Amino acid sequence: MKRIFKWLIIFTLITIYAFGETANIASFNTLHLGWKSDHRQEKIEGLASIISLFDLTGIQEVMKKDEVKKLINELKAQTGVEWRYHISPYAVGSKKYREYFAYIYRTDRVKLLKKGEFYPEKDSGKNFMREPYGAKFQIGDFKFTYILVHSIFGEKKTERQLEALQMVDVYDYFKARDDIVIIGGDFNLPAHDEAFVPLMNHPDEIAYAIDTSLKTTIGKSGLVSSYDNFFYSYKYMKDWYTGKSGVVDFTDSNHREIRKVISDHLPIFIEVNTDKR
């Protein structure tokens, strides 16, 4: 693990001082952030090293608010710059399992324009296990709403697909309040699944950013599935999105240990222009 963190710190230093007129927006499932563990401090240090690579990161599976505060303090210690966070006002999920959504961002690069809100479900027969959550940000001239999603895994694939079918409604709800909407997170389905067709057929020309040949979840002996992605409108983002996106694989082939200490997901990111074109 020490070798992995050393590589991350070096990469972080290069990234922090290399930014210009672009910014990186990330999504990261942090795997039960705040649950008791023998590796709790090591997890915070590792997550901070990873998240410091990005200007704004939306995180899923936040179990305790106080753990995000610890993460912010570790980010400040590692990078020497100021970081803040915004967390959903309450946790969502089932009676037995609930989690928060949170955003972590550099204050010298990112502004929180409007605190978030949950997508209001209308039809009791079509519910999300965890309602998507969206907040509005500004990076340079770029203003947008960033919606975080952590879809149900469930016993059957059809449960995940039922939630994916509703993403077009989520997009429309937040789009009515802002021109530019980005949906990111862990969908527990690859973006090419047929359940996303209604979203992809939207007149706003919705596309996904992460190539589905790239794996984003970590198994015990390798990378497994392409469950994490971003959905955005090409129509509204064509002058902002640089076309650069990807997955940061920090495992160094230590998949079993990384799953145990850090997370069972890799972070994904997209790059955007910050100056008006």
Protein backbone atom coordinates (compact mmCIF):
# COMPACT_ATOMS: atom_id res chain seq x y z
CA MET A 1 0.00 0.00 0.00
CA LYS A 2 2.85 2.42 0.73
CA ARG A 3 4.06 2.07 -2.88
CA ILE A 4 0.57 2.87 -4.16
CA PHE A 5 0.26 5.99 -2.00
CA LYS A 6 3.73 7.17 -3.04
CA TRP A 7 2.68 6.96 -6.71
CA LEU A 8 -0.55 8.82 -5.95
CA ILE A 9 1.25 11.63 -4.13
CA ILE A 10 3.66 12.13 -7.04
CA PHE A 11 0.79 12.13 -9.54
CA THR A 12 -1.13 14.55 -7.31
CA LEU A 13 1.70 17.07 -7.22
CA ILE A 14 1.99 16.98 -11.01
CA THR A 15 -1.77 17.45 -11.39
CA ILE A 16 -2.15 20.30 -8.89
CA TYR A 17 0.38 22.51 -10.62
CA ALA A 18 -0.52 21.56 -14.19
CA PHE A 19 -4.06 22.92 -14.48
CA GLY A 20 -4.87 25.78 -16.84
CA GLU A 21 -8.14 26.64 -18.56
CA THR A 22 -9.65 23.22 -17.86
CA ALA A 23 -10.97 21.38 -14.82
CA ASN A 24 -11.60 17.76 -13.88
CA ILE A 25 -14.95 16.63 -12.50
CA ALA A 26 -15.00 13.18 -10.91
CA SER A 27 -17.32 10.57 -9.46
CA PHE A 28 -16.18 8.03 -6.89
CA ASN A 29 -17.99 5.31 -4.95
CA THR A 30 -16.03 5.32 -1.68
CA LEU A 31 -17.42 2.04 -0.26
CA HIS A 32 -19.01 2.55 3.14
CA LEU A 33 -17.09 5.68 4.10
CA GLY A 34 -17.33 5.91 7.89
CA TRP A 35 -17.97 2.28 8.78
CA LYS A 36 -15.72 0.75 11.44
CA SER A 37 -12.58 -0.78 9.99
CA ASP A 38 -9.06 -1.70 10.98
CA HIS A 39 -7.92 0.44 8.04
CA ARG A 40 -10.03 3.53 8.72
CA GLN A 41 -7.18 6.07 8.79
CA GLU A 42 -5.39 4.41 5.90
CA LYS A 43 -8.63 4.64 3.90
CA ILE A 44 -8.91 8.39 4.59
CA GLU A 45 -5.30 8.96 3.53
CA GLY A 46 -5.73 6.92 0.37
CA LEU A 47 -9.03 8.54 -0.61
CA ALA A 48 -7.56 12.00 -0.08
CA SER A 49 -4.60 11.19 -2.34
CA ILE A 50 -7.00 10.06 -5.06
CA ILE A 51 -9.61 12.83 -4.72
CA SER A 52 -6.88 15.49 -4.75
CA LEU A 53 -6.37 14.69 -8.44
CA PHE A 54 -9.68 16.39 -9.26
CA ASP A 55 -11.24 19.84 -8.83
CA LEU A 56 -14.69 18.54 -7.93
CA THR A 57 -15.61 15.01 -6.89
CA GLY A 58 -19.06 13.60 -6.24
CA ILE A 59 -18.89 10.66 -3.84
CA GLN A 60 -21.31 7.88 -3.05
CA GLU A 61 -21.61 5.49 -0.10
CA VAL A 62 -20.97 8.10 2.58
CA MET A 63 -22.17 6.45 5.79
CA LYS A 64 -21.19 9.13 8.32
CA LYS A 65 -20.98 12.90 7.84
CA ASP A 66 -18.02 13.27 10.21
CA GLU A 67 -15.89 11.06 7.98
CA VAL A 68 -16.18 13.63 5.18
CA LYS A 69 -14.82 16.28 7.54
CA LYS A 70 -11.83 14.03 8.25
CA LEU A 71 -11.33 13.59 4.53
CA ILE A 72 -11.34 17.36 3.99
CA ASN A 73 -8.74 17.85 6.73
CA GLU A 74 -6.53 15.17 5.17
CA LEU A 75 -6.87 16.80 1.74
CA LYS A 76 -5.73 20.13 3.18
CA ALA A 77 -2.77 18.44 4.88
CA GLN A 78 -1.68 16.61 1.74
CA THR A 79 -2.12 19.42 -0.80
CA GLY A 80 -1.71 22.68 1.10
CA VAL A 81 -4.82 24.13 -0.56
CA GLU A 82 -8.31 24.77 0.78
CA TRP A 83 -11.09 22.20 0.27
CA ARG A 84 -14.78 22.21 1.20
CA TYR A 85 -17.65 19.80 0.99
CA HIS A 86 -21.40 19.77 0.55
CA ILE A 87 -23.36 16.77 1.77
CA SER A 88 -27.00 15.81 1.29
CA PRO A 89 -29.16 16.89 4.25
CA TYR A 90 -30.18 13.33 5.05
CA ALA A 91 -29.30 9.77 4.07
CA VAL A 92 -31.37 7.74 1.62
CA GLY A 93 -31.90 4.03 1.08
CA SER A 94 -33.74 1.25 2.86
CA LYS A 95 -34.59 0.86 6.54
CA LYS A 96 -31.49 -1.28 7.02
CA TYR A 97 -29.06 0.60 4.78
CA ARG A 98 -28.86 4.34 4.15
CA GLU A 99 -26.13 6.59 2.73
CA TYR A 100 -25.41 10.24 1.98
CA PHE A 101 -24.26 11.86 -1.25
CA ALA A 102 -21.43 14.38 -0.98
CA TYR A 103 -19.35 16.74 -3.11
CA ILE A 104 -15.74 17.65 -2.35
CA TYR A 105 -14.16 20.61 -4.13
CA ARG A 106 -11.19 22.99 -4.23
CA THR A 107 -12.30 26.43 -3.13
CA ASP A 108 -9.76 28.20 -5.36
CA ARG A 109 -11.29 26.52 -8.42
CA VAL A 110 -14.91 25.68 -7.67
CA LYS A 111 -17.90 27.56 -6.25
CA LEU A 112 -21.05 25.99 -4.86
CA LEU A 113 -23.82 28.16 -6.31
CA LYS A 114 -26.81 26.31 -4.92
CA LYS A 115 -27.14 23.59 -2.34
CA GLY A 116 -28.56 20.38 -3.64
CA GLU A 117 -31.98 18.78 -3.67
CA PHE A 118 -33.22 15.25 -4.12
CA TYR A 119 -35.19 14.25 -7.17
CA PRO A 120 -38.83 14.22 -6.02
CA GLU A 121 -40.48 10.94 -6.87
CA LYS A 122 -44.01 11.31 -8.22
CA ASP A 123 -45.23 7.77 -8.87
CA SER A 124 -45.13 5.52 -5.82
CA GLY A 125 -44.94 2.54 -8.15
CA LYS A 126 -41.64 3.78 -9.68
CA ASN A 127 -39.32 4.56 -6.82
CA PHE A 128 -35.56 4.85 -6.51
CA MET A 129 -33.83 2.97 -3.72
CA ARG A 130 -31.75 6.14 -3.30
CA GLU A 131 -33.19 9.26 -4.92
CA PRO A 132 -30.62 11.10 -7.11
CA TYR A 133 -29.27 14.34 -5.66
CA GLY A 134 -28.21 17.45 -7.60
CA ALA A 135 -26.34 20.65 -6.65
CA LYS A 136 -25.27 23.62 -8.79
CA PHE A 137 -21.60 24.62 -9.21
CA GLN A 138 -19.42 27.08 -11.10
CA ILE A 139 -15.86 26.53 -12.32
CA GLY A 140 -14.59 29.62 -14.10
CA ASP A 141 -17.32 30.55 -16.58
CA PHE A 142 -18.80 27.07 -16.56
CA LYS A 143 -22.05 26.74 -14.57
CA PHE A 144 -23.81 23.41 -14.24
CA THR A 145 -25.90 21.12 -12.06
CA TYR A 146 -24.12 17.94 -11.02
CA ILE A 147 -26.49 15.07 -10.17
CA LEU A 148 -25.19 12.13 -8.16
CA VAL A 149 -26.64 8.64 -8.57
CA HIS A 150 -26.11 5.36 -6.76
CA SER A 151 -28.55 2.91 -8.27
CA ILE A 152 -29.89 -0.18 -6.60
CA PHE A 153 -27.97 -3.39 -7.18
CA GLY A 154 -30.76 -5.68 -6.11
CA GLU A 155 -31.25 -9.38 -6.59
CA LYS A 156 -32.18 -9.02 -10.25
CA LYS A 157 -30.87 -6.95 -13.13
CA THR A 158 -34.42 -5.79 -13.86
CA GLU A 159 -34.44 -3.81 -10.60
CA ARG A 160 -31.44 -1.81 -11.82
CA GLN A 161 -33.00 -1.35 -15.25
CA LEU A 162 -36.21 0.03 -13.75
CA GLU A 163 -34.18 2.79 -12.12
CA ALA A 164 -32.17 3.42 -15.29
CA LEU A 165 -35.40 3.88 -17.25
CA GLN A 166 -36.23 6.81 -14.95
CA MET A 167 -32.98 8.71 -15.62
CA VAL A 168 -34.65 10.65 -18.42
CA ASP A 169 -37.16 11.98 -15.87
CA VAL A 170 -34.33 12.90 -13.51
CA TYR A 171 -32.58 14.76 -16.30
CA ASP A 172 -35.75 16.66 -17.27
CA TYR A 173 -36.47 17.66 -13.67
CA PHE A 174 -33.07 19.28 -13.14
CA LYS A 175 -32.83 20.55 -16.73
CA ALA A 176 -35.94 22.68 -16.08
CA ARG A 177 -33.84 24.53 -13.48
CA ASP A 178 -30.50 24.78 -15.31
CA ASP A 179 -29.22 24.71 -18.89
CA ILE A 180 -26.36 22.30 -18.25
CA VAL A 181 -26.88 19.06 -16.35
CA ILE A 182 -24.34 16.30 -15.72
CA ILE A 183 -25.43 12.99 -14.21
CA GLY A 184 -22.65 10.95 -12.66
CA GLY A 185 -22.28 8.00 -10.36
CA ASP A 186 -22.56 4.26 -9.90
CA PHE A 187 -25.44 2.96 -12.03
CA ASN A 188 -24.77 -0.74 -11.47
CA LEU A 189 -25.26 -1.12 -15.22
CA PRO A 190 -23.03 -0.36 -18.21
CA ALA A 191 -24.07 2.81 -20.05
CA HIS A 192 -24.88 0.87 -23.22
CA ASP A 193 -27.65 -1.09 -21.45
CA GLU A 194 -31.02 -0.86 -23.22
CA ALA A 195 -32.59 0.69 -20.12
CA PHE A 196 -30.77 3.95 -20.86
CA VAL A 197 -32.29 4.23 -24.35
CA PRO A 198 -35.02 6.73 -23.28
CA LEU A 199 -32.32 8.99 -21.85
CA MET A 200 -30.06 8.60 -24.87
CA ASN A 201 -32.96 9.44 -27.22
CA HIS A 202 -33.59 12.76 -25.50
CA PRO A 203 -33.67 15.76 -27.88
CA ASP A 204 -30.81 17.31 -25.88
CA GLU A 205 -28.53 14.67 -27.49
CA ILE A 206 -27.50 12.82 -24.35
CA ALA A 207 -24.23 10.89 -24.47
CA TYR A 208 -22.08 9.03 -21.98
CA ALA A 209 -18.47 9.97 -21.33
CA ILE A 210 -16.72 6.81 -20.13
CA ASP A 211 -16.02 4.13 -22.72
CA THR A 212 -17.87 1.02 -21.55
CA SER A 213 -14.86 -1.12 -22.44
CA LEU A 214 -13.16 0.45 -19.41
CA LYS A 215 -13.80 -1.39 -16.14
CA THR A 216 -14.61 0.69 -13.07
CA THR A 217 -15.28 -1.90 -10.34
CA ILE A 218 -12.61 -3.89 -8.50
CA GLY A 219 -12.88 -7.63 -8.00
CA LYS A 220 -10.62 -9.76 -5.83
CA SER A 221 -8.32 -10.59 -8.72
CA GLY A 222 -8.93 -7.85 -11.28
CA LEU A 223 -11.22 -5.18 -12.67
CA VAL A 224 -14.75 -6.43 -13.31
CA SER A 225 -17.61 -4.20 -14.53
CA SER A 226 -18.31 -0.85 -16.21
CA TYR A 227 -20.87 0.46 -13.75
CA ASP A 228 -19.67 4.07 -13.24
CA ASN A 229 -20.29 6.76 -15.85
CA PHE A 230 -21.31 10.30 -16.72
CA PHE A 231 -24.27 11.29 -18.87
CA TYR A 232 -24.29 14.77 -20.42
CA SER A 233 -25.97 16.75 -23.19
CA TYR A 234 -23.80 17.13 -26.27
CA LYS A 235 -26.12 19.95 -27.37
CA TYR A 236 -25.34 22.05 -24.30
CA MET A 237 -21.87 20.76 -23.45
CA LYS A 238 -20.19 20.75 -26.87
CA ASP A 239 -18.37 24.03 -26.17
CA TRP A 240 -17.43 23.00 -22.64
CA TYR A 241 -16.58 19.31 -22.64
CA THR A 242 -13.05 18.80 -23.98
CA GLY A 243 -13.71 15.18 -24.93
CA LYS A 244 -11.19 13.95 -22.38
CA SER A 245 -12.43 11.48 -19.79
CA GLY A 246 -11.29 8.32 -18.13
CA VAL A 247 -10.81 6.00 -15.19
CA VAL A 248 -7.98 6.34 -12.68
CA ASP A 249 -6.68 2.86 -11.88
CA PHE A 250 -4.70 3.23 -8.67
CA THR A 251 -4.69 -0.47 -7.80
CA ASP A 252 -1.20 -1.31 -9.09
CA SER A 253 -2.64 -4.85 -9.49
CA ASN A 254 -3.24 -5.13 -5.72
CA HIS A 255 -6.97 -5.65 -6.24
CA ARG A 256 -7.76 -7.69 -3.15
CA GLU A 257 -5.94 -5.30 -0.80
CA ILE A 258 -7.38 -2.17 -2.43
CA ARG A 259 -10.93 -3.54 -2.07
CA LYS A 260 -10.30 -4.17 1.61
CA VAL A 261 -8.65 -0.84 2.42
CA ILE A 262 -9.93 1.80 -0.04
CA SER A 263 -12.90 0.88 -2.25
CA ASP A 264 -14.30 -1.63 -4.72
CA HIS A 265 -14.64 1.12 -7.35
CA LEU A 266 -12.25 3.29 -9.33
CA PRO A 267 -12.88 7.03 -9.77
CA ILE A 268 -14.01 8.30 -13.16
CA PHE A 269 -13.56 11.84 -14.49
CA ILE A 270 -14.36 14.23 -17.33
CA GLU A 271 -12.45 17.35 -18.33
CA VAL A 272 -14.26 20.62 -19.06
CA ASN A 273 -13.23 24.03 -20.33
CA THR A 274 -13.53 26.74 -17.71
CA ASP A 275 -13.37 29.75 -20.03
CA LYS A 276 -16.31 30.75 -22.20
CA ARG A 277 -15.73 29.91 -25.88
